[in-house]
């Protein structure tokens, strides 16, 4: 499948992060859906079968990324989707905590675009 056909869902409560990530990914041929909260993101996933990967901010109000990944992993309709945890908390143990929560991979903010693109190509 061509990368230009890959759809990504960005879930982040900060509109500036969404804007920057979406602009970057679109310039590399990805189609992006966006959600400003985890419940909104889960709803988008359940209603759009074309999404191939999720970029999940881990620190959000109302429902954080850890809880959202748990919901995704426990819903058979969307449990197979790769989730890349995105967090500003790049402290020792955060990567492991994200992976234990069910994320497939992890990137820290500020995002290194080359690193993110490499991870997206894996999925």
N, C-alpha and C. Protein backbone atom coordinates (compact mmCIF):
# COMPACT_ATOMS: atom_id res chain seq x y z
N UNK A 1 0.84 -1.18 0.00
CA UNK A 1 0.00 0.00 0.00
C UNK A 1 0.88 1.24 0.00
N UNK A 2 0.56 2.20 -0.82
CA UNK A 2 1.32 3.44 -0.88
C UNK A 2 1.10 4.24 0.40
N UNK A 3 2.13 4.95 0.81
CA UNK A 3 2.01 5.78 2.00
C UNK A 3 0.98 6.88 1.81
N UNK A 4 0.79 7.35 0.59
CA UNK A 4 -0.18 8.41 0.35
C UNK A 4 -1.59 7.95 0.69
N UNK A 5 -1.79 6.66 0.80
CA UNK A 5 -3.10 6.11 1.13
C UNK A 5 -3.26 5.87 2.63
N UNK A 6 -2.18 5.99 3.41
CA UNK A 6 -2.27 5.68 4.82
C UNK A 6 -2.93 6.81 5.60
N UNK A 7 -3.90 6.45 6.40
CA UNK A 7 -4.59 7.41 7.25
C UNK A 7 -4.15 7.23 8.69
N UNK A 8 -3.90 8.36 9.33
CA UNK A 8 -3.42 8.39 10.71
C UNK A 8 -4.41 9.19 11.54
N UNK A 9 -4.66 8.74 12.75
CA UNK A 9 -5.46 9.52 13.70
C UNK A 9 -4.51 10.11 14.73
N UNK A 10 -4.54 11.43 14.86
CA UNK A 10 -3.76 12.13 15.87
C UNK A 10 -4.71 12.51 17.01
N UNK A 11 -4.42 12.01 18.21
CA UNK A 11 -5.23 12.36 19.38
C UNK A 11 -4.34 13.17 20.32
N UNK A 12 -4.69 14.45 20.51
CA UNK A 12 -3.90 15.34 21.36
C UNK A 12 -4.81 16.49 21.81
N UNK A 13 -4.72 16.85 23.08
CA UNK A 13 -5.57 17.92 23.60
C UNK A 13 -5.02 19.31 23.27
N UNK A 14 -3.83 19.40 22.72
CA UNK A 14 -3.22 20.69 22.38
C UNK A 14 -3.33 20.92 20.87
N UNK A 15 -4.13 21.91 20.48
CA UNK A 15 -4.36 22.17 19.05
C UNK A 15 -3.07 22.53 18.32
N UNK A 16 -2.10 23.11 19.02
CA UNK A 16 -0.83 23.45 18.37
C UNK A 16 -0.07 22.19 17.98
N UNK A 17 -0.11 21.18 18.84
CA UNK A 17 0.54 19.90 18.52
C UNK A 17 -0.14 19.24 17.33
N UNK A 18 -1.47 19.25 17.34
CA UNK A 18 -2.22 18.67 16.22
C UNK A 18 -1.86 19.39 14.92
N UNK A 19 -1.86 20.72 14.95
CA UNK A 19 -1.57 21.50 13.75
C UNK A 19 -0.19 21.16 13.19
N UNK A 20 0.82 21.15 14.05
CA UNK A 20 2.19 20.89 13.61
C UNK A 20 2.36 19.47 13.09
N UNK A 21 1.83 18.49 13.82
CA UNK A 21 1.94 17.09 13.40
C UNK A 21 1.21 16.85 12.09
N UNK A 22 -0.01 17.37 12.00
CA UNK A 22 -0.81 17.16 10.79
C UNK A 22 -0.13 17.79 9.58
N UNK A 23 0.37 19.02 9.72
CA UNK A 23 1.04 19.69 8.60
C UNK A 23 2.25 18.90 8.14
N UNK A 24 3.01 18.39 9.08
CA UNK A 24 4.20 17.60 8.74
C UNK A 24 3.82 16.31 8.05
N UNK A 25 2.86 15.58 8.61
CA UNK A 25 2.49 14.28 8.05
C UNK A 25 1.83 14.41 6.68
N UNK A 26 0.98 15.42 6.50
CA UNK A 26 0.34 15.65 5.20
C UNK A 26 1.41 15.93 4.15
N UNK A 27 2.45 16.67 4.53
CA UNK A 27 3.52 16.97 3.56
C UNK A 27 4.27 15.71 3.13
N UNK A 28 4.17 14.64 3.92
CA UNK A 28 4.79 13.36 3.56
C UNK A 28 3.79 12.38 2.97
N UNK A 29 2.59 12.84 2.63
CA UNK A 29 1.63 12.02 1.92
C UNK A 29 0.63 11.26 2.76
N UNK A 30 0.58 11.53 4.05
CA UNK A 30 -0.39 10.87 4.92
C UNK A 30 -1.69 11.67 4.98
N UNK A 31 -2.78 10.97 5.17
CA UNK A 31 -4.07 11.61 5.43
C UNK A 31 -4.27 11.57 6.94
N UNK A 32 -4.66 12.70 7.52
CA UNK A 32 -4.78 12.76 8.98
C UNK A 32 -6.18 13.09 9.45
N UNK A 33 -6.64 12.28 10.38
CA UNK A 33 -7.83 12.59 11.17
C UNK A 33 -7.29 13.16 12.47
N UNK A 34 -8.07 14.01 13.13
CA UNK A 34 -7.62 14.57 14.40
C UNK A 34 -8.75 14.53 15.43
N UNK A 35 -8.31 14.41 16.69
CA UNK A 35 -9.25 14.44 17.82
C UNK A 35 -8.58 15.18 18.96
N UNK A 36 -9.34 16.01 19.65
CA UNK A 36 -8.77 16.79 20.76
C UNK A 36 -9.00 16.14 22.12
N UNK A 37 -9.58 14.94 22.11
CA UNK A 37 -9.76 14.19 23.36
C UNK A 37 -9.76 12.70 23.04
N UNK A 38 -9.48 11.90 24.05
CA UNK A 38 -9.46 10.45 23.84
C UNK A 38 -10.84 9.90 23.49
N UNK A 39 -11.92 10.31 24.18
CA UNK A 39 -13.24 9.79 23.79
C UNK A 39 -13.60 10.14 22.34
N UNK A 40 -13.27 11.35 21.90
CA UNK A 40 -13.52 11.74 20.52
C UNK A 40 -12.70 10.87 19.57
N UNK A 41 -11.45 10.61 19.92
CA UNK A 41 -10.59 9.77 19.09
C UNK A 41 -11.11 8.35 18.97
N UNK A 42 -11.56 7.78 20.06
CA UNK A 42 -12.11 6.42 20.03
C UNK A 42 -13.35 6.37 19.16
N UNK A 43 -14.18 7.41 19.25
CA UNK A 43 -15.37 7.49 18.40
C UNK A 43 -14.98 7.54 16.92
N UNK A 44 -13.96 8.32 16.60
CA UNK A 44 -13.49 8.40 15.21
C UNK A 44 -12.99 7.03 14.74
N UNK A 45 -12.23 6.35 15.60
CA UNK A 45 -11.73 5.01 15.23
C UNK A 45 -12.86 4.03 14.96
N UNK A 46 -13.89 4.09 15.77
CA UNK A 46 -15.01 3.16 15.62
C UNK A 46 -15.84 3.44 14.37
N UNK A 47 -15.72 4.65 13.83
CA UNK A 47 -16.54 5.05 12.69
C UNK A 47 -15.77 5.27 11.39
N UNK A 48 -14.47 4.95 11.38
CA UNK A 48 -13.64 5.13 10.19
C UNK A 48 -12.70 3.96 10.04
N UNK A 49 -13.07 3.02 9.22
CA UNK A 49 -12.27 1.79 9.06
C UNK A 49 -10.96 2.01 8.33
N UNK A 50 -10.79 3.17 7.67
CA UNK A 50 -9.58 3.40 6.90
C UNK A 50 -8.36 3.81 7.71
N UNK A 51 -8.53 4.12 8.98
CA UNK A 51 -7.40 4.55 9.80
C UNK A 51 -6.48 3.37 10.05
N UNK A 52 -5.18 3.60 9.81
CA UNK A 52 -4.19 2.52 9.91
C UNK A 52 -3.31 2.60 11.15
N UNK A 53 -3.22 3.79 11.77
CA UNK A 53 -2.33 3.96 12.92
C UNK A 53 -2.80 5.14 13.76
N UNK A 54 -2.52 5.08 15.06
CA UNK A 54 -2.94 6.12 16.00
C UNK A 54 -1.70 6.72 16.66
N UNK A 55 -1.64 8.06 16.66
CA UNK A 55 -0.63 8.78 17.45
C UNK A 55 -1.35 9.31 18.68
N UNK A 56 -1.02 8.76 19.84
CA UNK A 56 -1.78 9.02 21.08
C UNK A 56 -0.98 9.85 22.07
N UNK A 57 -1.46 11.07 22.33
CA UNK A 57 -0.88 11.86 23.42
C UNK A 57 -1.22 11.13 24.72
N UNK A 58 -0.25 10.97 25.58
CA UNK A 58 -0.48 10.18 26.79
C UNK A 58 -1.00 11.02 27.96
N UNK A 59 -0.74 12.32 27.95
CA UNK A 59 -1.17 13.18 29.06
C UNK A 59 -2.29 14.11 28.61
N UNK A 60 -3.53 13.70 28.85
CA UNK A 60 -4.69 14.51 28.49
C UNK A 60 -5.65 14.54 29.66
N UNK A 61 -6.41 15.63 29.78
CA UNK A 61 -7.44 15.67 30.83
C UNK A 61 -8.60 14.74 30.48
N UNK A 62 -9.47 14.50 31.39
CA UNK A 62 -10.66 13.66 31.23
C UNK A 62 -10.28 12.19 31.10
N UNK A 63 -9.62 11.82 30.01
CA UNK A 63 -9.17 10.44 29.81
C UNK A 63 -7.76 10.51 29.23
N UNK A 64 -6.79 9.93 29.93
CA UNK A 64 -5.42 9.99 29.42
C UNK A 64 -5.19 8.88 28.39
N UNK A 65 -4.00 8.92 27.77
CA UNK A 65 -3.68 7.97 26.73
C UNK A 65 -3.63 6.54 27.22
N UNK A 66 -3.22 6.33 28.48
CA UNK A 66 -3.15 4.97 29.03
C UNK A 66 -4.54 4.34 29.08
N UNK A 67 -5.51 5.10 29.56
CA UNK A 67 -6.89 4.60 29.62
C UNK A 67 -7.45 4.39 28.21
N UNK A 68 -7.14 5.33 27.31
CA UNK A 68 -7.64 5.22 25.93
C UNK A 68 -7.06 3.98 25.23
N UNK A 69 -5.78 3.72 25.42
CA UNK A 69 -5.17 2.53 24.81
C UNK A 69 -5.83 1.27 25.37
N UNK A 70 -6.12 1.26 26.65
CA UNK A 70 -6.80 0.12 27.25
C UNK A 70 -8.16 -0.12 26.59
N UNK A 71 -8.89 0.94 26.35
CA UNK A 71 -10.19 0.81 25.68
C UNK A 71 -10.02 0.29 24.26
N UNK A 72 -9.03 0.84 23.54
CA UNK A 72 -8.77 0.38 22.17
C UNK A 72 -8.42 -1.11 22.16
N UNK A 73 -7.53 -1.52 23.04
CA UNK A 73 -7.08 -2.92 23.07
C UNK A 73 -8.19 -3.89 23.47
N UNK A 74 -9.20 -3.39 24.14
CA UNK A 74 -10.30 -4.25 24.58
C UNK A 74 -11.54 -4.18 23.68
N UNK A 75 -11.42 -3.50 22.54
CA UNK A 75 -12.52 -3.42 21.59
C UNK A 75 -12.10 -4.17 20.33
N UNK A 76 -12.72 -5.31 20.06
CA UNK A 76 -12.27 -6.16 18.96
C UNK A 76 -12.31 -5.47 17.60
N UNK A 77 -13.14 -4.46 17.45
CA UNK A 77 -13.23 -3.75 16.17
C UNK A 77 -11.96 -2.94 15.87
N UNK A 78 -11.27 -2.48 16.92
CA UNK A 78 -10.11 -1.60 16.72
C UNK A 78 -8.85 -2.06 17.46
N UNK A 79 -8.91 -3.19 18.12
CA UNK A 79 -7.80 -3.64 18.97
C UNK A 79 -6.50 -3.91 18.21
N UNK A 80 -6.59 -4.18 16.91
CA UNK A 80 -5.43 -4.52 16.09
C UNK A 80 -4.62 -3.30 15.66
N UNK A 81 -5.18 -2.11 15.82
CA UNK A 81 -4.52 -0.91 15.31
C UNK A 81 -3.22 -0.60 16.06
N UNK A 82 -2.16 -0.29 15.32
CA UNK A 82 -0.93 0.14 15.98
C UNK A 82 -1.13 1.50 16.63
N UNK A 83 -0.63 1.65 17.85
CA UNK A 83 -0.71 2.91 18.58
C UNK A 83 0.71 3.33 18.94
N UNK A 84 1.06 4.56 18.56
CA UNK A 84 2.34 5.12 18.96
C UNK A 84 2.05 6.16 20.05
N UNK A 85 2.60 5.92 21.23
CA UNK A 85 2.44 6.85 22.34
C UNK A 85 3.31 8.07 22.09
N UNK A 86 2.72 9.25 22.31
CA UNK A 86 3.44 10.51 22.14
C UNK A 86 3.35 11.26 23.46
N UNK A 87 4.50 11.57 24.06
CA UNK A 87 4.44 12.24 25.35
C UNK A 87 5.60 13.20 25.54
N UNK A 88 5.33 14.26 26.28
CA UNK A 88 6.37 15.22 26.65
C UNK A 88 7.13 14.71 27.86
N UNK A 89 6.60 13.70 28.51
CA UNK A 89 7.24 13.16 29.70
C UNK A 89 8.24 12.09 29.31
N UNK A 90 9.40 12.55 28.86
CA UNK A 90 10.43 11.63 28.39
C UNK A 90 11.35 11.26 29.54
N UNK A 91 10.77 10.81 30.61
CA UNK A 91 11.55 10.44 31.78
C UNK A 91 11.79 8.93 31.79
N UNK A 92 12.74 8.52 32.59
CA UNK A 92 13.06 7.10 32.70
C UNK A 92 11.79 6.34 33.08
N UNK A 93 11.48 5.31 32.33
CA UNK A 93 10.32 4.47 32.61
C UNK A 93 9.08 4.83 31.82
N UNK A 94 9.02 6.03 31.23
CA UNK A 94 7.82 6.41 30.48
C UNK A 94 7.61 5.55 29.24
N UNK A 95 8.70 5.23 28.54
CA UNK A 95 8.59 4.38 27.36
C UNK A 95 8.03 3.01 27.76
N UNK A 96 8.60 2.44 28.79
CA UNK A 96 8.17 1.12 29.26
C UNK A 96 6.72 1.16 29.74
N UNK A 97 6.35 2.22 30.45
CA UNK A 97 4.96 2.37 30.93
C UNK A 97 3.99 2.42 29.75
N UNK A 98 4.36 3.15 28.71
CA UNK A 98 3.51 3.25 27.52
C UNK A 98 3.37 1.90 26.82
N UNK A 99 4.48 1.19 26.68
CA UNK A 99 4.45 -0.12 26.03
C UNK A 99 3.66 -1.13 26.85
N UNK A 100 3.82 -1.08 28.17
CA UNK A 100 3.05 -1.98 29.05
C UNK A 100 1.55 -1.68 28.97
N UNK A 101 1.20 -0.43 28.70
CA UNK A 101 -0.21 -0.04 28.58
C UNK A 101 -0.82 -0.54 27.27
N UNK A 102 0.03 -1.00 26.34
CA UNK A 102 -0.49 -1.52 25.08
C UNK A 102 -0.07 -0.76 23.85
N UNK A 103 0.74 0.28 24.02
CA UNK A 103 1.24 1.00 22.85
C UNK A 103 2.23 0.11 22.09
N UNK A 104 2.27 0.26 20.78
CA UNK A 104 3.21 -0.50 19.96
C UNK A 104 4.59 0.15 19.93
N UNK A 105 4.60 1.48 20.10
CA UNK A 105 5.85 2.21 20.04
C UNK A 105 5.68 3.52 20.79
N UNK A 106 6.76 4.32 20.82
CA UNK A 106 6.80 5.49 21.67
C UNK A 106 7.68 6.55 21.03
N UNK A 107 7.22 7.81 21.04
CA UNK A 107 8.06 8.95 20.67
C UNK A 107 7.85 10.05 21.70
N UNK A 108 8.92 10.80 21.96
CA UNK A 108 8.80 11.89 22.93
C UNK A 108 8.73 13.24 22.22
N UNK A 109 8.12 14.20 22.89
CA UNK A 109 8.05 15.57 22.39
C UNK A 109 9.27 16.31 22.91
N UNK A 110 9.83 17.24 22.15
CA UNK A 110 9.42 17.58 20.78
C UNK A 110 9.76 16.42 19.84
N UNK A 111 8.88 16.21 18.89
CA UNK A 111 8.99 15.04 18.02
C UNK A 111 10.09 15.23 16.99
N UNK A 112 10.94 14.22 16.88
CA UNK A 112 11.94 14.15 15.83
C UNK A 112 11.22 13.55 14.62
N UNK A 113 11.06 14.36 13.57
CA UNK A 113 10.27 13.94 12.41
C UNK A 113 10.84 12.69 11.75
N UNK A 114 12.15 12.62 11.59
CA UNK A 114 12.75 11.44 10.97
C UNK A 114 12.48 10.19 11.79
N UNK A 115 12.57 10.32 13.11
CA UNK A 115 12.29 9.18 14.00
C UNK A 115 10.82 8.74 13.85
N UNK A 116 9.90 9.71 13.85
CA UNK A 116 8.48 9.39 13.72
C UNK A 116 8.20 8.72 12.38
N UNK A 117 8.74 9.26 11.29
CA UNK A 117 8.51 8.67 9.97
C UNK A 117 9.03 7.25 9.90
N UNK A 118 10.18 7.00 10.53
CA UNK A 118 10.70 5.64 10.58
C UNK A 118 9.77 4.69 11.30
N UNK A 119 9.20 5.15 12.39
CA UNK A 119 8.28 4.32 13.16
C UNK A 119 6.99 4.09 12.36
N UNK A 120 6.50 5.11 11.68
CA UNK A 120 5.28 4.95 10.88
C UNK A 120 5.48 3.94 9.76
N UNK A 121 6.65 3.90 9.17
CA UNK A 121 6.93 2.95 8.08
C UNK A 121 6.90 1.51 8.57
N UNK A 122 7.19 1.30 9.86
CA UNK A 122 7.15 -0.06 10.41
C UNK A 122 5.73 -0.62 10.39
N UNK A 123 4.75 0.26 10.44
CA UNK A 123 3.36 -0.20 10.54
C UNK A 123 2.61 0.08 9.26
